[in-house]
Amino acid sequence: MFERGRLYWCRLPDDSKRRPVLVLSPDLRNELANDVVVIPASSVIRVGPWHVLLRKGEGGLDRSSVLKCEQPATIRKARLDAEPVGRRLSTDRMSEIAAAVIRALELRA
């Protein structure tokens, strides 16, 4: 099962290369659905209000990367490698990512 807060290698539609993605959707949804909601990562570091920097080693990454929280995507599970890259991100880091998604999509009530 794909777990919220873990990174997996993936080939996103319309993307020529394989990249790590963070599973954002809740575990129960991940268990029941045929797809998952992910945030793509990039090793090209560009700072922005909706980007979250992950340090080398965090989540199992072999280099520092940025999560592009303005680009959430729903993708089929078959596009992801079955094994996670590494450990789950911390609760604090997941809160930071949620805040960046809210900023990027202007979801404040």
C-alpha atoms as a PDB file:
ATOM      1  CA  MET A   1       0.000   0.000   0.000  1.00  0.00           C
ATOM      2  CA  PHE A   2       1.170   3.527  -0.723  1.00  0.00           C
ATOM      3  CA  GLU A   3       1.575   5.579   2.453  1.00  0.00           C
ATOM      4  CA  ARG A   4       0.927   9.274   3.032  1.00  0.00           C
ATOM      5  CA  GLY A   5       4.139  11.123   3.784  1.00  0.00           C
ATOM      6  CA  ARG A   6       6.436   8.777   1.853  1.00  0.00           C
ATOM      7  CA  LEU A   7       8.259   9.411  -1.401  1.00  0.00           C
ATOM      8  CA  TYR A   8       8.034   6.987  -4.326  1.00  0.00           C
ATOM      9  CA  TRP A   9       9.675   6.981  -7.733  1.00  0.00           C
ATOM     10  CA  CYS A  10       7.171   7.776 -10.459  1.00  0.00           C
ATOM     11  CA  ARG A  11       6.815   8.646 -14.119  1.00  0.00           C
ATOM     12  CA  LEU A  12       4.197  11.388 -14.241  1.00  0.00           C
ATOM     13  CA  PRO A  13       2.100  11.882 -17.390  1.00  0.00           C
ATOM     14  CA  ASP A  14       3.651  14.515 -19.680  1.00  0.00           C
ATOM     15  CA  ASP A  15       7.003  14.242 -17.884  1.00  0.00           C
ATOM     16  CA  SER A  16       9.954  12.757 -19.735  1.00  0.00           C
ATOM     17  CA  LYS A  17      11.836  11.635 -16.641  1.00  0.00           C
ATOM     18  CA  ARG A  18      11.258   9.553 -13.575  1.00  0.00           C
ATOM     19  CA  ARG A  19      11.125  11.591 -10.370  1.00  0.00           C
ATOM     20  CA  PRO A  20      10.271  11.176  -6.702  1.00  0.00           C
ATOM     21  CA  VAL A  21       6.755  12.142  -5.682  1.00  0.00           C
ATOM     22  CA  LEU A  22       5.308  12.582  -2.204  1.00  0.00           C
ATOM     23  CA  VAL A  23       2.044  10.771  -1.502  1.00  0.00           C
ATOM     24  CA  LEU A  24      -0.309  13.368  -0.035  1.00  0.00           C
ATOM     25  CA  SER A  25      -3.616  11.500  -0.004  1.00  0.00           C
ATOM     26  CA  PRO A  26      -4.713   9.819   3.269  1.00  0.00           C
ATOM     27  CA  ASP A  27      -3.808   6.170   3.876  1.00  0.00           C
ATOM     28  CA  LEU A  28      -7.430   4.950   3.889  1.00  0.00           C
ATOM     29  CA  ARG A  29      -8.042   6.549   0.491  1.00  0.00           C
ATOM     30  CA  ASN A  30      -4.758   5.101  -0.786  1.00  0.00           C
ATOM     31  CA  GLU A  31      -5.887   1.648   0.287  1.00  0.00           C
ATOM     32  CA  LEU A  32      -9.340   1.860  -1.325  1.00  0.00           C
ATOM     33  CA  ALA A  33      -8.772   3.880  -4.507  1.00  0.00           C
ATOM     34  CA  ASN A  34      -6.984   2.996  -7.746  1.00  0.00           C
ATOM     35  CA  ASP A  35      -5.091   6.276  -7.664  1.00  0.00           C
ATOM     36  CA  VAL A  36      -3.200   8.512  -5.237  1.00  0.00           C
ATOM     37  CA  VAL A  37      -2.691  12.260  -4.854  1.00  0.00           C
ATOM     38  CA  VAL A  38       0.979  13.221  -5.106  1.00  0.00           C
ATOM     39  CA  ILE A  39       3.275  16.248  -5.047  1.00  0.00           C
ATOM     40  CA  PRO A  40       6.224  16.073  -7.490  1.00  0.00           C
ATOM     41  CA  ALA A  41       9.786  16.705  -6.354  1.00  0.00           C
ATOM     42  CA  SER A  42      12.589  18.305  -8.335  1.00  0.00           C
ATOM     43  CA  SER A  43      16.321  18.480  -7.712  1.00  0.00           C
ATOM     44  CA  VAL A  44      16.354  21.858  -9.494  1.00  0.00           C
ATOM     45  CA  ILE A  45      16.049  24.082  -6.432  1.00  0.00           C
ATOM     46  CA  ARG A  46      13.927  27.178  -6.979  1.00  0.00           C
ATOM     47  CA  VAL A  47      12.614  28.999  -3.945  1.00  0.00           C
ATOM     48  CA  GLY A  48       8.952  29.963  -3.938  1.00  0.00           C
ATOM     49  CA  PRO A  49       6.178  30.432  -1.376  1.00  0.00           C
ATOM     50  CA  TRP A  50       4.619  27.128  -2.399  1.00  0.00           C
ATOM     51  CA  HIS A  51       7.881  25.132  -2.543  1.00  0.00           C
ATOM     52  CA  VAL A  52       9.147  23.017   0.367  1.00  0.00           C
ATOM     53  CA  LEU A  53      12.837  22.161   0.498  1.00  0.00           C
ATOM     54  CA  LEU A  54      13.777  18.620   1.485  1.00  0.00           C
ATOM     55  CA  ARG A  55      17.386  18.076   2.539  1.00  0.00           C
ATOM     56  CA  LYS A  56      19.528  15.273   1.186  1.00  0.00           C
ATOM     57  CA  GLY A  57      18.604  12.103   3.109  1.00  0.00           C
ATOM     58  CA  GLU A  58      15.160  13.354   4.139  1.00  0.00           C
ATOM     59  CA  GLY A  59      12.561  10.798   3.075  1.00  0.00           C
ATOM     60  CA  GLY A  60      15.405   8.768   1.560  1.00  0.00           C
ATOM     61  CA  LEU A  61      16.380  11.317  -1.103  1.00  0.00           C
ATOM     62  CA  ASP A  62      19.914  11.054  -2.465  1.00  0.00           C
ATOM     63  CA  ARG A  63      20.087  14.842  -3.024  1.00  0.00           C
ATOM     64  CA  SER A  64      18.350  17.976  -1.819  1.00  0.00           C
ATOM     65  CA  SER A  65      15.097  18.565  -3.671  1.00  0.00           C
ATOM     66  CA  VAL A  66      12.074  20.812  -3.631  1.00  0.00           C
ATOM     67  CA  LEU A  67       8.449  19.686  -3.450  1.00  0.00           C
ATOM     68  CA  LYS A  68       6.385  21.633  -5.971  1.00  0.00           C
ATOM     69  CA  CYS A  69       3.233  22.063  -3.898  1.00  0.00           C
ATOM     70  CA  GLU A  70       1.545  24.097  -6.633  1.00  0.00           C
ATOM     71  CA  GLN A  71       1.455  20.942  -8.799  1.00  0.00           C
ATOM     72  CA  PRO A  72      -0.592  18.292  -6.962  1.00  0.00           C
ATOM     73  CA  ALA A  73      -1.629  15.461  -9.253  1.00  0.00           C
ATOM     74  CA  THR A  74      -3.892  12.443  -9.056  1.00  0.00           C
ATOM     75  CA  ILE A  75      -2.213   9.473 -10.688  1.00  0.00           C
ATOM     76  CA  ARG A  76      -2.778   5.764 -11.085  1.00  0.00           C
ATOM     77  CA  LYS A  77      -0.972   3.592  -8.573  1.00  0.00           C
ATOM     78  CA  ALA A  78       0.603   1.618 -11.438  1.00  0.00           C
ATOM     79  CA  ARG A  79       2.804   4.658 -12.254  1.00  0.00           C
ATOM     80  CA  LEU A  80       4.587   4.440  -8.877  1.00  0.00           C
ATOM     81  CA  ASP A  81       7.311   2.026  -7.827  1.00  0.00           C
ATOM     82  CA  ALA A  82       5.907  -0.300  -5.162  1.00  0.00           C
ATOM     83  CA  GLU A  83       8.659   0.401  -2.616  1.00  0.00           C
ATOM     84  CA  PRO A  84       9.075   3.795  -0.981  1.00  0.00           C
ATOM     85  CA  VAL A  85      12.315   5.745  -1.377  1.00  0.00           C
ATOM     86  CA  GLY A  86      12.747   5.932   2.402  1.00  0.00           C
ATOM     87  CA  ARG A  87      11.039   6.752   5.692  1.00  0.00           C
ATOM     88  CA  ARG A  88       7.944   8.898   6.150  1.00  0.00           C
ATOM     89  CA  LEU A  89       8.454  12.617   6.436  1.00  0.00           C
ATOM     90  CA  SER A  90       7.960  14.066   9.907  1.00  0.00           C
ATOM     91  CA  THR A  91       4.629  15.431  11.115  1.00  0.00           C
ATOM     92  CA  ASP A  92       6.140  18.925  11.201  1.00  0.00           C
ATOM     93  CA  ARG A  93       7.333  18.616   7.607  1.00  0.00           C
ATOM     94  CA  MET A  94       3.903  17.345   6.482  1.00  0.00           C
ATOM     95  CA  SER A  95       2.288  20.366   8.183  1.00  0.00           C
ATOM     96  CA  GLU A  96       4.668  22.637   6.269  1.00  0.00           C
ATOM     97  CA  ILE A  97       3.712  20.891   3.015  1.00  0.00           C
ATOM     98  CA  ALA A  98      -0.023  21.216   3.764  1.00  0.00           C
ATOM     99  CA  ALA A  99       0.451  24.956   4.393  1.00  0.00           C
ATOM    100  CA  ALA A 100       2.301  25.325   1.067  1.00  0.00           C
ATOM    101  CA  VAL A 101      -0.517  23.526  -0.808  1.00  0.00           C
ATOM    102  CA  ILE A 102      -3.081  25.828   0.848  1.00  0.00           C
ATOM    103  CA  ARG A 103      -1.019  28.893  -0.204  1.00  0.00           C
ATOM    104  CA  ALA A 104      -0.535  27.623  -3.749  1.00  0.00           C
ATOM    105  CA  LEU A 105      -4.219  26.853  -4.303  1.00  0.00           C
ATOM    106  CA  GLU A 106      -5.539  29.777  -2.208  1.00  0.00           C
ATOM    107  CA  LEU A 107      -7.721  27.440  -0.124  1.00  0.00           C
ATOM    108  CA  ARG A 108      -8.094  29.689   2.918  1.00  0.00           C
ATOM    109  CA  ALA A 109     -11.696  29.999   4.030  1.00  0.00           C
END
